[in-house]
Amino acid sequence: MDLLQQELEEEFQRERLLQEELRVVTNEISDLENQRASVEERREIPRKLEQDEMRAQMKLSMYASVTNIIPNQHENYKVSRHIVKRDRKAVEKFEFDPSEATAFDTYNDIWNMISL
């Protein structure tokens, strides 16, 4: 009976060791899965940025087609644009300094230019 009891204890000990190994392996798999998800998220960021840039370019193109106004990307402190008049094949530049006029006046002046 003692021999059987000893064998049973050894089996329980093996089972505990196997369960501990299984827990360690499960934790490692979980960590690897988290790393994989993190890598996929980092791969997704440049793709989303590229899509956002493409979307912005398409919006800018649409706005330019509708209003005939092309923004000057290099002027951050002024409202600086070019009006394209296709019928006369001309490009006219205009600028507004926000410190000299209200936003409402600037918008009205721009709408007046577009409607001409």
C-alpha atoms as a PDB file:
ATOM      1  CA  MET A   1       0.000   0.000   0.000  1.00  0.00           C
ATOM      2  CA  ASP A   2       2.885   2.323   0.832  1.00  0.00           C
ATOM      3  CA  LEU A   3       4.389   1.676  -2.570  1.00  0.00           C
ATOM      4  CA  LEU A   4       1.149   2.634  -4.306  1.00  0.00           C
ATOM      5  CA  GLN A   5       0.868   5.730  -2.135  1.00  0.00           C
ATOM      6  CA  GLN A   6       4.427   6.706  -3.080  1.00  0.00           C
ATOM      7  CA  GLU A   7       3.712   6.166  -6.794  1.00  0.00           C
ATOM      8  CA  LEU A   8       0.573   8.285  -6.473  1.00  0.00           C
ATOM      9  CA  GLU A   9       2.569  11.083  -4.838  1.00  0.00           C
ATOM     10  CA  GLU A  10       5.162  10.906  -7.634  1.00  0.00           C
ATOM     11  CA  GLU A  11       2.401  11.143 -10.224  1.00  0.00           C
ATOM     12  CA  PHE A  12       0.921  14.155  -8.443  1.00  0.00           C
ATOM     13  CA  GLN A  13       4.381  15.747  -8.388  1.00  0.00           C
ATOM     14  CA  ARG A  14       4.813  15.118 -12.143  1.00  0.00           C
ATOM     15  CA  GLU A  15       1.363  16.543 -12.775  1.00  0.00           C
ATOM     16  CA  ARG A  16       2.201  19.712 -10.792  1.00  0.00           C
ATOM     17  CA  LEU A  17       5.450  20.095 -12.751  1.00  0.00           C
ATOM     18  CA  LEU A  18       3.622  19.630 -16.037  1.00  0.00           C
ATOM     19  CA  GLN A  19       0.973  22.154 -15.005  1.00  0.00           C
ATOM     20  CA  GLU A  20       3.710  24.635 -14.085  1.00  0.00           C
ATOM     21  CA  GLU A  21       5.398  24.092 -17.469  1.00  0.00           C
ATOM     22  CA  LEU A  22       2.031  24.501 -19.185  1.00  0.00           C
ATOM     23  CA  ARG A  23       1.459  27.785 -17.307  1.00  0.00           C
ATOM     24  CA  VAL A  24       4.889  29.062 -18.352  1.00  0.00           C
ATOM     25  CA  VAL A  25       4.298  28.091 -21.986  1.00  0.00           C
ATOM     26  CA  THR A  26       0.821  29.649 -21.914  1.00  0.00           C
ATOM     27  CA  ASN A  27       2.275  32.899 -20.551  1.00  0.00           C
ATOM     28  CA  GLU A  28       4.961  32.900 -23.244  1.00  0.00           C
ATOM     29  CA  ILE A  29       2.334  32.365 -25.940  1.00  0.00           C
ATOM     30  CA  SER A  30       0.266  35.197 -24.486  1.00  0.00           C
ATOM     31  CA  ASP A  31       3.309  37.504 -24.477  1.00  0.00           C
ATOM     32  CA  LEU A  32       4.108  36.580 -28.078  1.00  0.00           C
ATOM     33  CA  GLU A  33       0.495  37.254 -29.082  1.00  0.00           C
ATOM     34  CA  ASN A  34       0.677  40.693 -27.444  1.00  0.00           C
ATOM     35  CA  GLN A  35       3.941  41.411 -29.278  1.00  0.00           C
ATOM     36  CA  ARG A  36       2.387  40.326 -32.574  1.00  0.00           C
ATOM     37  CA  ALA A  37      -0.583  42.630 -32.014  1.00  0.00           C
ATOM     38  CA  SER A  38       1.767  45.486 -31.172  1.00  0.00           C
ATOM     39  CA  VAL A  39       3.805  44.913 -34.337  1.00  0.00           C
ATOM     40  CA  GLU A  40       0.627  44.831 -36.438  1.00  0.00           C
ATOM     41  CA  GLU A  41      -0.517  48.112 -34.889  1.00  0.00           C
ATOM     42  CA  ARG A  42       2.851  49.712 -35.676  1.00  0.00           C
ATOM     43  CA  ARG A  43       2.614  48.477 -39.263  1.00  0.00           C
ATOM     44  CA  GLU A  44      -0.883  49.933 -39.514  1.00  0.00           C
ATOM     45  CA  ILE A  45       0.179  53.458 -38.466  1.00  0.00           C
ATOM     46  CA  PRO A  46       2.179  54.316 -41.639  1.00  0.00           C
ATOM     47  CA  ARG A  47      -0.600  52.908 -43.818  1.00  0.00           C
ATOM     48  CA  LYS A  48      -3.201  55.051 -42.042  1.00  0.00           C
ATOM     49  CA  LEU A  49      -0.971  58.108 -42.318  1.00  0.00           C
ATOM     50  CA  GLU A  50      -0.563  57.466 -46.040  1.00  0.00           C
ATOM     51  CA  GLN A  51      -4.333  57.113 -46.434  1.00  0.00           C
ATOM     52  CA  ASP A  52      -4.916  60.327 -44.481  1.00  0.00           C
ATOM     53  CA  GLU A  53      -2.402  62.168 -46.654  1.00  0.00           C
ATOM     54  CA  MET A  54      -4.028  60.837 -49.827  1.00  0.00           C
ATOM     55  CA  ARG A  55      -7.462  61.857 -48.511  1.00  0.00           C
ATOM     56  CA  ALA A  56      -6.165  65.358 -47.708  1.00  0.00           C
ATOM     57  CA  GLN A  57      -4.654  65.689 -51.186  1.00  0.00           C
ATOM     58  CA  MET A  58      -7.924  64.615 -52.768  1.00  0.00           C
ATOM     59  CA  LYS A  59      -9.863  67.146 -50.641  1.00  0.00           C
ATOM     60  CA  LEU A  60      -7.414  69.866 -51.578  1.00  0.00           C
ATOM     61  CA  SER A  61      -7.776  68.965 -55.245  1.00  0.00           C
ATOM     62  CA  MET A  62     -11.570  69.008 -54.957  1.00  0.00           C
ATOM     63  CA  TYR A  63     -11.551  72.388 -53.186  1.00  0.00           C
ATOM     64  CA  ALA A  64      -9.199  73.783 -55.816  1.00  0.00           C
ATOM     65  CA  SER A  65     -11.477  72.502 -58.593  1.00  0.00           C
ATOM     66  CA  VAL A  66     -14.591  73.980 -57.020  1.00  0.00           C
ATOM     67  CA  THR A  67     -13.208  77.321 -55.871  1.00  0.00           C
ATOM     68  CA  ASN A  68     -10.287  77.781 -58.286  1.00  0.00           C
ATOM     69  CA  ILE A  69      -8.163  78.624 -55.237  1.00  0.00           C
ATOM     70  CA  ILE A  70      -4.908  76.835 -54.501  1.00  0.00           C
ATOM     71  CA  PRO A  71      -3.465  77.269 -50.994  1.00  0.00           C
ATOM     72  CA  ASN A  72       0.138  78.228 -50.407  1.00  0.00           C
ATOM     73  CA  GLN A  73       1.368  75.573 -47.982  1.00  0.00           C
ATOM     74  CA  HIS A  74       4.469  77.545 -46.993  1.00  0.00           C
ATOM     75  CA  GLU A  75       2.685  80.557 -45.492  1.00  0.00           C
ATOM     76  CA  ASN A  76       1.619  79.577 -41.973  1.00  0.00           C
ATOM     77  CA  TYR A  77       1.162  83.054 -40.494  1.00  0.00           C
ATOM     78  CA  LYS A  78      -0.908  84.484 -43.355  1.00  0.00           C
ATOM     79  CA  VAL A  79      -3.873  83.432 -45.439  1.00  0.00           C
ATOM     80  CA  SER A  80      -1.999  83.072 -48.708  1.00  0.00           C
ATOM     81  CA  ARG A  81      -3.529  81.543 -51.836  1.00  0.00           C
ATOM     82  CA  HIS A  82      -3.533  81.599 -55.620  1.00  0.00           C
ATOM     83  CA  ILE A  83      -6.664  82.040 -57.700  1.00  0.00           C
ATOM     84  CA  VAL A  84      -6.583  80.172 -60.985  1.00  0.00           C
ATOM     85  CA  LYS A  85      -8.635  81.734 -63.771  1.00  0.00           C
ATOM     86  CA  ARG A  86      -8.708  79.099 -66.464  1.00  0.00           C
ATOM     87  CA  ASP A  87     -10.634  81.139 -68.996  1.00  0.00           C
ATOM     88  CA  ARG A  88      -7.900  83.811 -68.978  1.00  0.00           C
ATOM     89  CA  LYS A  89      -5.117  81.322 -68.248  1.00  0.00           C
ATOM     90  CA  ALA A  90      -3.984  83.457 -65.334  1.00  0.00           C
ATOM     91  CA  VAL A  91      -2.920  82.864 -61.751  1.00  0.00           C
ATOM     92  CA  GLU A  92      -3.368  85.648 -59.224  1.00  0.00           C
ATOM     93  CA  LYS A  93      -1.864  85.553 -55.751  1.00  0.00           C
ATOM     94  CA  PHE A  94      -3.593  87.067 -52.737  1.00  0.00           C
ATOM     95  CA  GLU A  95      -2.709  87.313 -49.064  1.00  0.00           C
ATOM     96  CA  PHE A  96      -4.540  88.344 -45.948  1.00  0.00           C
ATOM     97  CA  ASP A  97      -2.854  89.028 -42.648  1.00  0.00           C
ATOM     98  CA  PRO A  98      -5.128  87.741 -39.860  1.00  0.00           C
ATOM     99  CA  SER A  99      -3.883  90.474 -37.529  1.00  0.00           C
ATOM    100  CA  GLU A 100      -5.169  93.204 -39.891  1.00  0.00           C
ATOM    101  CA  ALA A 101      -8.717  91.933 -40.490  1.00  0.00           C
ATOM    102  CA  THR A 102     -11.307  89.772 -38.789  1.00  0.00           C
ATOM    103  CA  ALA A 103     -11.868  86.229 -39.955  1.00  0.00           C
ATOM    104  CA  PHE A 104     -15.339  87.215 -41.150  1.00  0.00           C
ATOM    105  CA  ASP A 105     -13.942  90.028 -43.335  1.00  0.00           C
ATOM    106  CA  THR A 106     -11.273  87.725 -44.728  1.00  0.00           C
ATOM    107  CA  TYR A 107     -13.864  85.069 -45.624  1.00  0.00           C
ATOM    108  CA  ASN A 108     -16.106  87.654 -47.257  1.00  0.00           C
ATOM    109  CA  ASP A 109     -13.223  89.008 -49.324  1.00  0.00           C
ATOM    110  CA  ILE A 110     -12.314  85.488 -50.448  1.00  0.00           C
ATOM    111  CA  TRP A 111     -15.936  84.708 -51.412  1.00  0.00           C
ATOM    112  CA  ASN A 112     -16.080  87.931 -53.388  1.00  0.00           C
ATOM    113  CA  MET A 113     -12.934  86.888 -55.282  1.00  0.00           C
ATOM    114  CA  ILE A 114     -14.377  83.464 -56.030  1.00  0.00           C
ATOM    115  CA  SER A 115     -17.671  84.789 -57.301  1.00  0.00           C
ATOM    116  CA  LEU A 116     -16.047  87.200 -59.773  1.00  0.00           C
END
